[in-house]
Protein backbone atom coordinates (compact mmCIF):
# COMPACT_ATOMS: atom_id res chain seq x y z
CA UNK A 1 30.46 4.64 -45.71
CA UNK A 2 30.58 8.04 -43.73
CA UNK A 3 26.78 8.49 -45.15
CA UNK A 4 25.93 5.58 -43.05
CA UNK A 5 27.51 6.54 -40.03
CA UNK A 6 26.07 10.04 -40.32
CA UNK A 7 22.80 8.68 -40.65
CA UNK A 8 23.10 5.99 -37.65
CA UNK A 9 24.18 9.37 -35.57
CA UNK A 10 21.28 11.19 -36.69
CA UNK A 11 18.94 8.04 -35.51
CA UNK A 12 20.65 7.65 -32.06
CA UNK A 13 20.16 11.35 -31.36
CA UNK A 14 16.66 11.25 -32.74
CA UNK A 15 16.31 7.90 -30.44
CA UNK A 16 17.81 10.06 -27.18
CA UNK A 17 15.28 13.23 -27.48
CA UNK A 18 12.62 10.47 -27.65
CA UNK A 19 13.75 8.66 -24.60
CA UNK A 20 14.28 11.74 -22.84
CA UNK A 21 10.68 13.36 -23.88
CA UNK A 22 9.31 10.08 -22.62
CA UNK A 23 11.64 9.51 -19.28
CA UNK A 24 10.31 13.48 -18.80
CA UNK A 25 6.76 12.90 -19.02
CA UNK A 26 7.01 9.92 -17.19
CA UNK A 27 8.75 11.71 -13.88
CA UNK A 28 6.56 14.64 -14.67
CA UNK A 29 3.17 12.21 -14.13
CA UNK A 30 4.69 10.42 -11.05
CA UNK A 31 6.38 13.80 -9.24
CA UNK A 32 2.46 14.96 -9.52
CA UNK A 33 1.00 11.89 -8.54
CA UNK A 34 3.85 12.02 -5.44
CA UNK A 35 2.96 15.72 -4.53
CA UNK A 36 -0.85 15.12 -4.65
CA UNK A 37 -0.66 11.88 -2.07
CA UNK A 38 1.76 14.17 -0.05
CA UNK A 39 -0.77 17.19 -0.31
CA UNK A 40 -4.00 15.01 0.68
CA UNK A 41 -2.20 13.43 3.50
CA UNK A 42 -0.35 16.48 5.31
CA UNK A 43 -3.64 18.87 4.19
CA UNK A 44 -5.82 16.02 6.01
CA UNK A 45 -4.03 15.89 8.80
CA UNK A 46 -3.70 19.73 9.26
CA UNK A 47 -7.71 20.12 8.65
CA UNK A 48 -8.24 17.44 11.11
CA UNK A 49 -5.94 18.66 14.05
CA UNK A 50 -6.45 22.07 13.41
CA UNK A 51 -9.90 23.17 12.10
CA UNK A 52 -11.95 19.75 12.28
CA UNK A 53 -11.48 18.82 15.85
CA UNK A 54 -11.51 22.15 17.66
CA UNK A 55 -15.08 22.94 15.69
CA UNK A 56 -16.17 19.67 17.18
CA UNK A 57 -14.78 20.07 20.60
CA UNK A 58 -16.76 23.98 20.75
CA UNK A 59 -20.09 23.15 19.21
CA UNK A 60 -21.02 19.12 19.45
CA UNK A 61 -21.99 16.83 22.09
CA UNK A 62 -19.57 14.29 23.00
CA UNK A 63 -21.35 11.52 21.58
CA UNK A 64 -22.20 13.18 18.57
CA UNK A 65 -18.46 14.24 18.05
CA UNK A 66 -17.29 10.60 18.88
CA UNK A 67 -19.95 9.67 15.98
CA UNK A 68 -18.45 12.40 13.69
CA UNK A 69 -14.87 11.44 14.42
CA UNK A 70 -15.58 7.72 14.04
CA UNK A 71 -17.04 8.59 10.54
CA UNK A 72 -13.91 10.65 9.52
CA UNK A 73 -11.32 8.69 10.70
CA UNK A 74 -12.94 5.45 8.70
CA UNK A 75 -12.24 7.89 5.30
CA UNK A 76 -9.41 9.62 6.64
CA UNK A 77 -7.92 5.98 7.18
CA UNK A 78 -8.17 5.10 3.64
CA UNK A 79 -7.01 7.97 1.92
CA UNK A 80 -3.96 8.06 4.08
CA UNK A 81 -3.20 4.08 3.29
CA UNK A 82 -3.67 5.23 -0.69
CA UNK A 83 -1.19 8.06 -0.18
CA UNK A 84 1.13 5.67 1.55
CA UNK A 85 1.02 3.22 -1.18
CA UNK A 86 1.39 5.88 -3.65
CA UNK A 87 4.36 7.71 -2.07
CA UNK A 88 6.03 4.18 -2.01
CA UNK A 89 5.53 3.43 -5.35
CA UNK A 90 6.07 7.07 -6.92
CA UNK A 91 9.00 7.41 -4.64
CA UNK A 92 10.61 4.51 -5.94
CA UNK A 93 10.39 5.68 -9.55
CA UNK A 94 11.60 8.84 -8.69
CA UNK A 95 14.58 7.99 -6.93
CA UNK A 96 15.55 5.14 -10.09
CA UNK A 97 15.45 8.37 -12.36
CA UNK A 98 17.46 10.53 -10.34
CA UNK A 99 20.92 11.12 -11.56
CA UNK A 100 21.92 11.55 -7.75
CA UNK A 101 21.02 7.81 -6.95
CA UNK A 102 23.85 5.78 -6.84
CA UNK A 103 22.22 2.20 -6.03
CA UNK A 104 20.64 0.70 -2.85
CA UNK A 105 22.43 1.47 0.11
CA UNK A 106 25.06 3.44 -1.25
CA UNK A 107 25.73 6.55 0.75
CA UNK A 108 28.32 8.08 -1.44
CA UNK A 109 27.01 11.87 -1.63
CA UNK A 110 25.13 14.06 0.09
CA UNK A 111 21.72 13.46 -1.64
CA UNK A 112 21.67 9.70 -0.72
CA UNK A 113 22.24 10.60 2.86
CA UNK A 114 19.43 12.72 3.37
CA UNK A 115 17.28 10.80 1.39
CA UNK A 116 18.35 7.44 3.80
CA UNK A 117 17.16 9.93 6.92
CA UNK A 118 13.98 11.21 5.22
CA UNK A 119 13.06 7.60 4.78
CA UNK A 120 14.09 6.73 7.84
CA UNK A 121 11.49 9.45 9.27
CA UNK A 122 8.92 8.27 6.57
CA UNK A 123 9.19 4.83 8.31
CA UNK A 124 8.44 6.66 11.77
CA UNK A 125 5.65 8.32 10.17
CA UNK A 126 3.79 4.86 8.97
CA UNK A 127 4.43 3.19 12.16
CA UNK A 128 3.02 6.15 14.24
CA UNK A 129 -0.33 5.91 11.35
CA UNK A 130 -0.58 2.29 11.80
CA UNK A 131 -0.54 2.46 15.62
CA UNK A 132 -3.28 5.29 15.70
CA UNK A 133 -5.51 3.53 13.18
CA UNK A 134 -5.09 -0.38 14.27
CA UNK A 135 -4.35 0.14 18.10
CA UNK A 136 -5.84 3.46 19.53
CA UNK A 137 -8.82 4.24 17.17
CA UNK A 138 -10.25 0.79 18.39
CA UNK A 139 -9.99 0.95 21.80
CA UNK A 140 -11.10 4.71 21.39
CA UNK A 141 -14.23 3.95 19.76
CA UNK A 142 -14.98 0.85 22.68
CA UNK A 143 -14.35 3.15 24.93
CA UNK A 144 -16.43 6.46 23.71
CA UNK A 145 -19.36 4.19 23.36
CA UNK A 146 -19.70 3.43 26.91
CA UNK A 147 -19.54 7.20 27.68
CA UNK A 148 -16.99 9.62 29.08
CA UNK A 149 -13.92 7.88 31.24
CA UNK A 150 -11.12 8.77 32.60
CA UNK A 151 -9.27 5.69 30.23
CA UNK A 152 -11.00 7.38 27.35
CA UNK A 153 -9.79 10.90 28.01
CA UNK A 154 -6.30 9.42 28.86
CA UNK A 155 -6.26 7.00 25.08
CA UNK A 156 -7.59 10.58 23.39
CA UNK A 157 -4.81 12.56 24.97
CA UNK A 158 -2.18 10.14 23.38
CA UNK A 159 -3.96 10.02 20.20
CA UNK A 160 -3.26 13.81 19.98
CA UNK A 161 0.08 13.66 21.01
CA UNK A 162 0.91 10.93 18.64
CA UNK A 163 -0.66 13.07 16.01
CA UNK A 164 1.31 16.21 17.22
CA UNK A 165 4.06 14.04 17.01
CA UNK A 166 3.32 12.76 13.40
CA UNK A 167 2.65 16.49 12.25
CA UNK A 168 6.09 17.21 13.24
CA UNK A 169 7.70 14.23 11.65
CA UNK A 170 6.12 15.49 8.23
CA UNK A 171 7.42 18.80 8.50
CA UNK A 172 10.85 17.11 8.95
CA UNK A 173 10.36 15.05 5.74
CA UNK A 174 9.08 18.26 3.78
CA UNK A 175 12.18 20.10 5.29
CA UNK A 176 14.44 17.04 3.88
CA UNK A 177 12.52 17.09 0.71
CA UNK A 178 12.99 20.46 -0.19
CA UNK A 179 17.00 20.31 0.48
CA UNK A 180 17.23 17.17 -1.47
CA UNK A 181 15.12 18.89 -4.45
CA UNK A 182 17.44 21.81 -4.06
CA UNK A 183 20.39 19.63 -4.53
CA UNK A 184 18.92 17.85 -7.25
CA UNK A 185 18.29 21.08 -9.36
């Protein structure tokens, strides 16, 4: 009888090791995808705002710059939406595998409270992105095709303010992510 009990204990331990290994592998892949989506989105934002836009303003005539940014934003839009979907899916998996996660709407520890704040900030970012891509960009494109105008300049300034605010919110999301990660360690 003790032989069977000893054998069953060994099997349970081996299964536990395999499931721990599989969970670690899954978490590693999901975390990598999450980081890749984050770096892609935020890296493109930084490159656009601090490298591409200033260089284009210095070197290109407004009609050429308008065409360049039209083509860029079309590609950037697709990248951002793919990143948002990837971040959502991987975030759900990472959250469900985290030992600090208590369940939906259970804010019983600091980790879940900070995660809630982070998610509110992410929702704000997504709303800003959708507004910029689906509302501002088409209006700016139509006005740019007609040539320079005070209304075009006003919308472009608004677009830049939305982009800068989005960058500020993204940096806050990274701050909350680092704190949450430190708590998980």
